[in-house]
Amino acid sequence: MSQIEDAAREHKRRRGLERWRHALTYSLAGLRTAWAQAAFRTEIFIAALALPASFWLGQGWVEISLLAGSVMLVLIVELLNTGLEAAIDRIDRSWHDLSKQAKDVGSAAVLLSLLFCIAVWGAALWTRWG
């Protein structure tokens, strides 16, 4: 049995707070990995400004949730795209049409999440000051 299979089985045996602690460790490692990406760092900087601003701009919990949620959605989709790209690169770094398609689709998902975020914020700004 390989070391990876042993580690996976050990993780499945953990219960309660021990399992949560290990899951948190893996999640924080993922955030550190994503931090190496310039796009993620830029989005984090924007989120650090936009998330507090959502409480100021939003009028009621629904608007605040949409404003903050649209920002968080961008970060989530960026993380998924980074994971997808890493998995594809792990399989083979050489150029392949299917690899390109997968990476392009991941990039398109990030673009759509950004456009959604811009639309939500634009609508909120228009409603407040338009």
C-alpha atoms as a PDB file:
ATOM      1  CA  MET A   1       0.000   0.000   0.000  1.00  0.00           C
ATOM      2  CA  SER A   2       1.353   3.456  -0.880  1.00  0.00           C
ATOM      3  CA  GLN A   3       1.997   6.294   1.540  1.00  0.00           C
ATOM      4  CA  ILE A   4      -0.840   8.286  -0.051  1.00  0.00           C
ATOM      5  CA  GLU A   5      -3.326   5.460   0.545  1.00  0.00           C
ATOM      6  CA  ASP A   6      -2.090   5.145   4.164  1.00  0.00           C
ATOM      7  CA  ALA A   7      -2.543   8.892   4.723  1.00  0.00           C
ATOM      8  CA  ALA A   8      -6.021   8.832   3.195  1.00  0.00           C
ATOM      9  CA  ARG A   9      -7.087   5.939   5.408  1.00  0.00           C
ATOM     10  CA  GLU A  10      -5.654   7.627   8.495  1.00  0.00           C
ATOM     11  CA  HIS A  11      -7.635  10.769   7.700  1.00  0.00           C
ATOM     12  CA  LYS A  12     -10.862   8.770   7.399  1.00  0.00           C
ATOM     13  CA  ARG A  13     -10.289   7.231  10.840  1.00  0.00           C
ATOM     14  CA  ARG A  14     -10.185  10.600  12.564  1.00  0.00           C
ATOM     15  CA  ARG A  15     -13.324  11.760  14.314  1.00  0.00           C
ATOM     16  CA  GLY A  16     -14.669  14.905  15.932  1.00  0.00           C
ATOM     17  CA  LEU A  17     -12.396  17.854  16.586  1.00  0.00           C
ATOM     18  CA  GLU A  18      -9.318  15.970  15.416  1.00  0.00           C
ATOM     19  CA  ARG A  19     -10.839  15.547  11.946  1.00  0.00           C
ATOM     20  CA  TRP A  20     -11.910  19.209  11.887  1.00  0.00           C
ATOM     21  CA  ARG A  21      -8.418  20.325  12.886  1.00  0.00           C
ATOM     22  CA  HIS A  22      -6.838  18.331  10.067  1.00  0.00           C
ATOM     23  CA  ALA A  23      -9.427  19.580   7.562  1.00  0.00           C
ATOM     24  CA  LEU A  24      -8.688  23.165   8.630  1.00  0.00           C
ATOM     25  CA  THR A  25      -4.963  22.529   8.172  1.00  0.00           C
ATOM     26  CA  TYR A  26      -5.577  21.298   4.608  1.00  0.00           C
ATOM     27  CA  SER A  27      -7.850  24.244   3.853  1.00  0.00           C
ATOM     28  CA  LEU A  28      -5.278  26.753   5.088  1.00  0.00           C
ATOM     29  CA  ALA A  29      -2.635  25.019   2.970  1.00  0.00           C
ATOM     30  CA  GLY A  30      -4.951  25.479  -0.021  1.00  0.00           C
ATOM     31  CA  LEU A  31      -5.283  29.186   0.713  1.00  0.00           C
ATOM     32  CA  ARG A  32      -1.484  29.490   0.961  1.00  0.00           C
ATOM     33  CA  THR A  33      -1.180  27.722  -2.382  1.00  0.00           C
ATOM     34  CA  ALA A  34      -3.749  30.033  -3.971  1.00  0.00           C
ATOM     35  CA  TRP A  35      -1.933  33.057  -2.512  1.00  0.00           C
ATOM     36  CA  ALA A  36       0.910  32.287  -4.933  1.00  0.00           C
ATOM     37  CA  GLN A  37      -1.454  33.274  -7.766  1.00  0.00           C
ATOM     38  CA  ALA A  38      -1.416  36.995  -8.595  1.00  0.00           C
ATOM     39  CA  ALA A  39      -5.105  36.960  -9.570  1.00  0.00           C
ATOM     40  CA  PHE A  40      -6.097  35.502  -6.189  1.00  0.00           C
ATOM     41  CA  ARG A  41      -4.029  38.096  -4.310  1.00  0.00           C
ATOM     42  CA  THR A  42      -5.722  40.874  -6.289  1.00  0.00           C
ATOM     43  CA  GLU A  43      -9.170  39.420  -5.584  1.00  0.00           C
ATOM     44  CA  ILE A  44      -8.347  39.110  -1.870  1.00  0.00           C
ATOM     45  CA  PHE A  45      -7.307  42.777  -1.805  1.00  0.00           C
ATOM     46  CA  ILE A  46     -10.578  43.799  -3.486  1.00  0.00           C
ATOM     47  CA  ALA A  47     -12.546  41.525  -1.135  1.00  0.00           C
ATOM     48  CA  ALA A  48     -10.862  43.143   1.884  1.00  0.00           C
ATOM     49  CA  LEU A  49     -12.331  46.451   0.711  1.00  0.00           C
ATOM     50  CA  ALA A  50     -15.645  45.199  -0.679  1.00  0.00           C
ATOM     51  CA  LEU A  51     -16.770  42.954   2.183  1.00  0.00           C
ATOM     52  CA  PRO A  52     -16.843  45.752   4.782  1.00  0.00           C
ATOM     53  CA  ALA A  53     -18.326  48.090   2.150  1.00  0.00           C
ATOM     54  CA  SER A  54     -21.183  45.636   1.597  1.00  0.00           C
ATOM     55  CA  PHE A  55     -22.389  46.337   5.152  1.00  0.00           C
ATOM     56  CA  TRP A  56     -22.316  50.068   4.450  1.00  0.00           C
ATOM     57  CA  LEU A  57     -23.908  49.924   0.979  1.00  0.00           C
ATOM     58  CA  GLY A  58     -26.462  47.178   1.569  1.00  0.00           C
ATOM     59  CA  GLN A  59     -29.851  48.171   2.883  1.00  0.00           C
ATOM     60  CA  GLY A  60     -31.038  45.104   4.758  1.00  0.00           C
ATOM     61  CA  TRP A  61     -29.681  41.621   5.137  1.00  0.00           C
ATOM     62  CA  VAL A  62     -30.673  40.485   1.637  1.00  0.00           C
ATOM     63  CA  GLU A  63     -28.678  43.226  -0.079  1.00  0.00           C
ATOM     64  CA  ILE A  64     -25.740  42.753   2.261  1.00  0.00           C
ATOM     65  CA  SER A  65     -25.809  39.008   1.568  1.00  0.00           C
ATOM     66  CA  LEU A  66     -25.905  39.532  -2.193  1.00  0.00           C
ATOM     67  CA  LEU A  67     -23.073  42.049  -2.126  1.00  0.00           C
ATOM     68  CA  ALA A  68     -20.859  40.011   0.184  1.00  0.00           C
ATOM     69  CA  GLY A  69     -21.880  36.712  -1.411  1.00  0.00           C
ATOM     70  CA  SER A  70     -20.998  37.882  -4.907  1.00  0.00           C
ATOM     71  CA  VAL A  71     -17.510  38.814  -3.682  1.00  0.00           C
ATOM     72  CA  MET A  72     -17.098  35.471  -1.918  1.00  0.00           C
ATOM     73  CA  LEU A  73     -18.301  33.672  -5.044  1.00  0.00           C
ATOM     74  CA  VAL A  74     -15.418  35.176  -7.035  1.00  0.00           C
ATOM     75  CA  LEU A  75     -12.923  33.893  -4.456  1.00  0.00           C
ATOM     76  CA  ILE A  76     -14.513  30.432  -4.381  1.00  0.00           C
ATOM     77  CA  VAL A  77     -14.545  30.085  -8.164  1.00  0.00           C
ATOM     78  CA  GLU A  78     -10.926  31.308  -8.335  1.00  0.00           C
ATOM     79  CA  LEU A  79      -9.916  28.644  -5.798  1.00  0.00           C
ATOM     80  CA  LEU A  80     -11.704  25.937  -7.803  1.00  0.00           C
ATOM     81  CA  ASN A  81     -10.071  27.157 -11.006  1.00  0.00           C
ATOM     82  CA  THR A  82      -6.641  27.088  -9.360  1.00  0.00           C
ATOM     83  CA  GLY A  83      -7.267  23.517  -8.200  1.00  0.00           C
ATOM     84  CA  LEU A  84      -8.438  22.490 -11.655  1.00  0.00           C
ATOM     85  CA  GLU A  85      -5.334  23.974 -13.274  1.00  0.00           C
ATOM     86  CA  ALA A  86      -3.053  22.262 -10.746  1.00  0.00           C
ATOM     87  CA  ALA A  87      -4.715  18.895 -11.378  1.00  0.00           C
ATOM     88  CA  ILE A  88      -4.370  19.299 -15.137  1.00  0.00           C
ATOM     89  CA  ASP A  89      -0.718  20.329 -14.809  1.00  0.00           C
ATOM     90  CA  ARG A  90      -0.114  17.333 -12.520  1.00  0.00           C
ATOM     91  CA  ILE A  91      -1.376  14.966 -15.205  1.00  0.00           C
ATOM     92  CA  ASP A  92       0.692  16.457 -18.020  1.00  0.00           C
ATOM     93  CA  ARG A  93       2.254  19.878 -18.553  1.00  0.00           C
ATOM     94  CA  SER A  94       2.534  19.423 -22.308  1.00  0.00           C
ATOM     95  CA  TRP A  95      -0.014  21.185 -24.500  1.00  0.00           C
ATOM     96  CA  HIS A  96      -3.166  19.194 -25.178  1.00  0.00           C
ATOM     97  CA  ASP A  97      -6.460  20.397 -26.606  1.00  0.00           C
ATOM     98  CA  LEU A  98      -8.532  18.870 -23.776  1.00  0.00           C
ATOM     99  CA  SER A  99      -6.269  20.429 -21.136  1.00  0.00           C
ATOM    100  CA  LYS A 100      -6.654  23.787 -22.849  1.00  0.00           C
ATOM    101  CA  GLN A 101     -10.430  23.375 -22.980  1.00  0.00           C
ATOM    102  CA  ALA A 102     -10.623  22.521 -19.276  1.00  0.00           C
ATOM    103  CA  LYS A 103      -8.456  25.496 -18.315  1.00  0.00           C
ATOM    104  CA  ASP A 104     -10.455  27.799 -20.607  1.00  0.00           C
ATOM    105  CA  VAL A 105     -13.731  26.646 -19.049  1.00  0.00           C
ATOM    106  CA  GLY A 106     -12.311  27.266 -15.561  1.00  0.00           C
ATOM    107  CA  SER A 107     -11.220  30.718 -16.645  1.00  0.00           C
ATOM    108  CA  ALA A 108     -14.669  31.388 -18.106  1.00  0.00           C
ATOM    109  CA  ALA A 109     -16.219  30.421 -14.754  1.00  0.00           C
ATOM    110  CA  VAL A 110     -14.025  33.022 -13.033  1.00  0.00           C
ATOM    111  CA  LEU A 111     -15.040  35.608 -15.639  1.00  0.00           C
ATOM    112  CA  LEU A 112     -18.744  34.889 -15.134  1.00  0.00           C
ATOM    113  CA  SER A 113     -18.393  35.157 -11.358  1.00  0.00           C
ATOM    114  CA  LEU A 114     -16.618  38.503 -11.786  1.00  0.00           C
ATOM    115  CA  LEU A 115     -19.332  39.777 -14.163  1.00  0.00           C
ATOM    116  CA  PHE A 116     -22.019  38.661 -11.692  1.00  0.00           C
ATOM    117  CA  CYS A 117     -20.221  40.472  -8.870  1.00  0.00           C
ATOM    118  CA  ILE A 118     -19.902  43.640 -10.955  1.00  0.00           C
ATOM    119  CA  ALA A 119     -23.599  43.458 -11.888  1.00  0.00           C
ATOM    120  CA  VAL A 120     -24.707  43.034  -8.257  1.00  0.00           C
ATOM    121  CA  TRP A 121     -22.503  45.896  -7.067  1.00  0.00           C
ATOM    122  CA  GLY A 122     -23.518  48.068 -10.017  1.00  0.00           C
ATOM    123  CA  ALA A 123     -27.214  47.494  -9.300  1.00  0.00           C
ATOM    124  CA  ALA A 124     -26.726  48.299  -5.609  1.00  0.00           C
ATOM    125  CA  LEU A 125     -24.777  51.469  -6.406  1.00  0.00           C
ATOM    126  CA  TRP A 126     -27.365  52.509  -8.997  1.00  0.00           C
ATOM    127  CA  THR A 127     -30.217  51.922  -6.535  1.00  0.00           C
ATOM    128  CA  ARG A 128     -28.501  53.941  -3.852  1.00  0.00           C
ATOM    129  CA  TRP A 129     -27.195  56.868  -5.943  1.00  0.00           C
ATOM    130  CA  GLY A 130     -28.615  56.505  -9.473  1.00  0.00           C
END
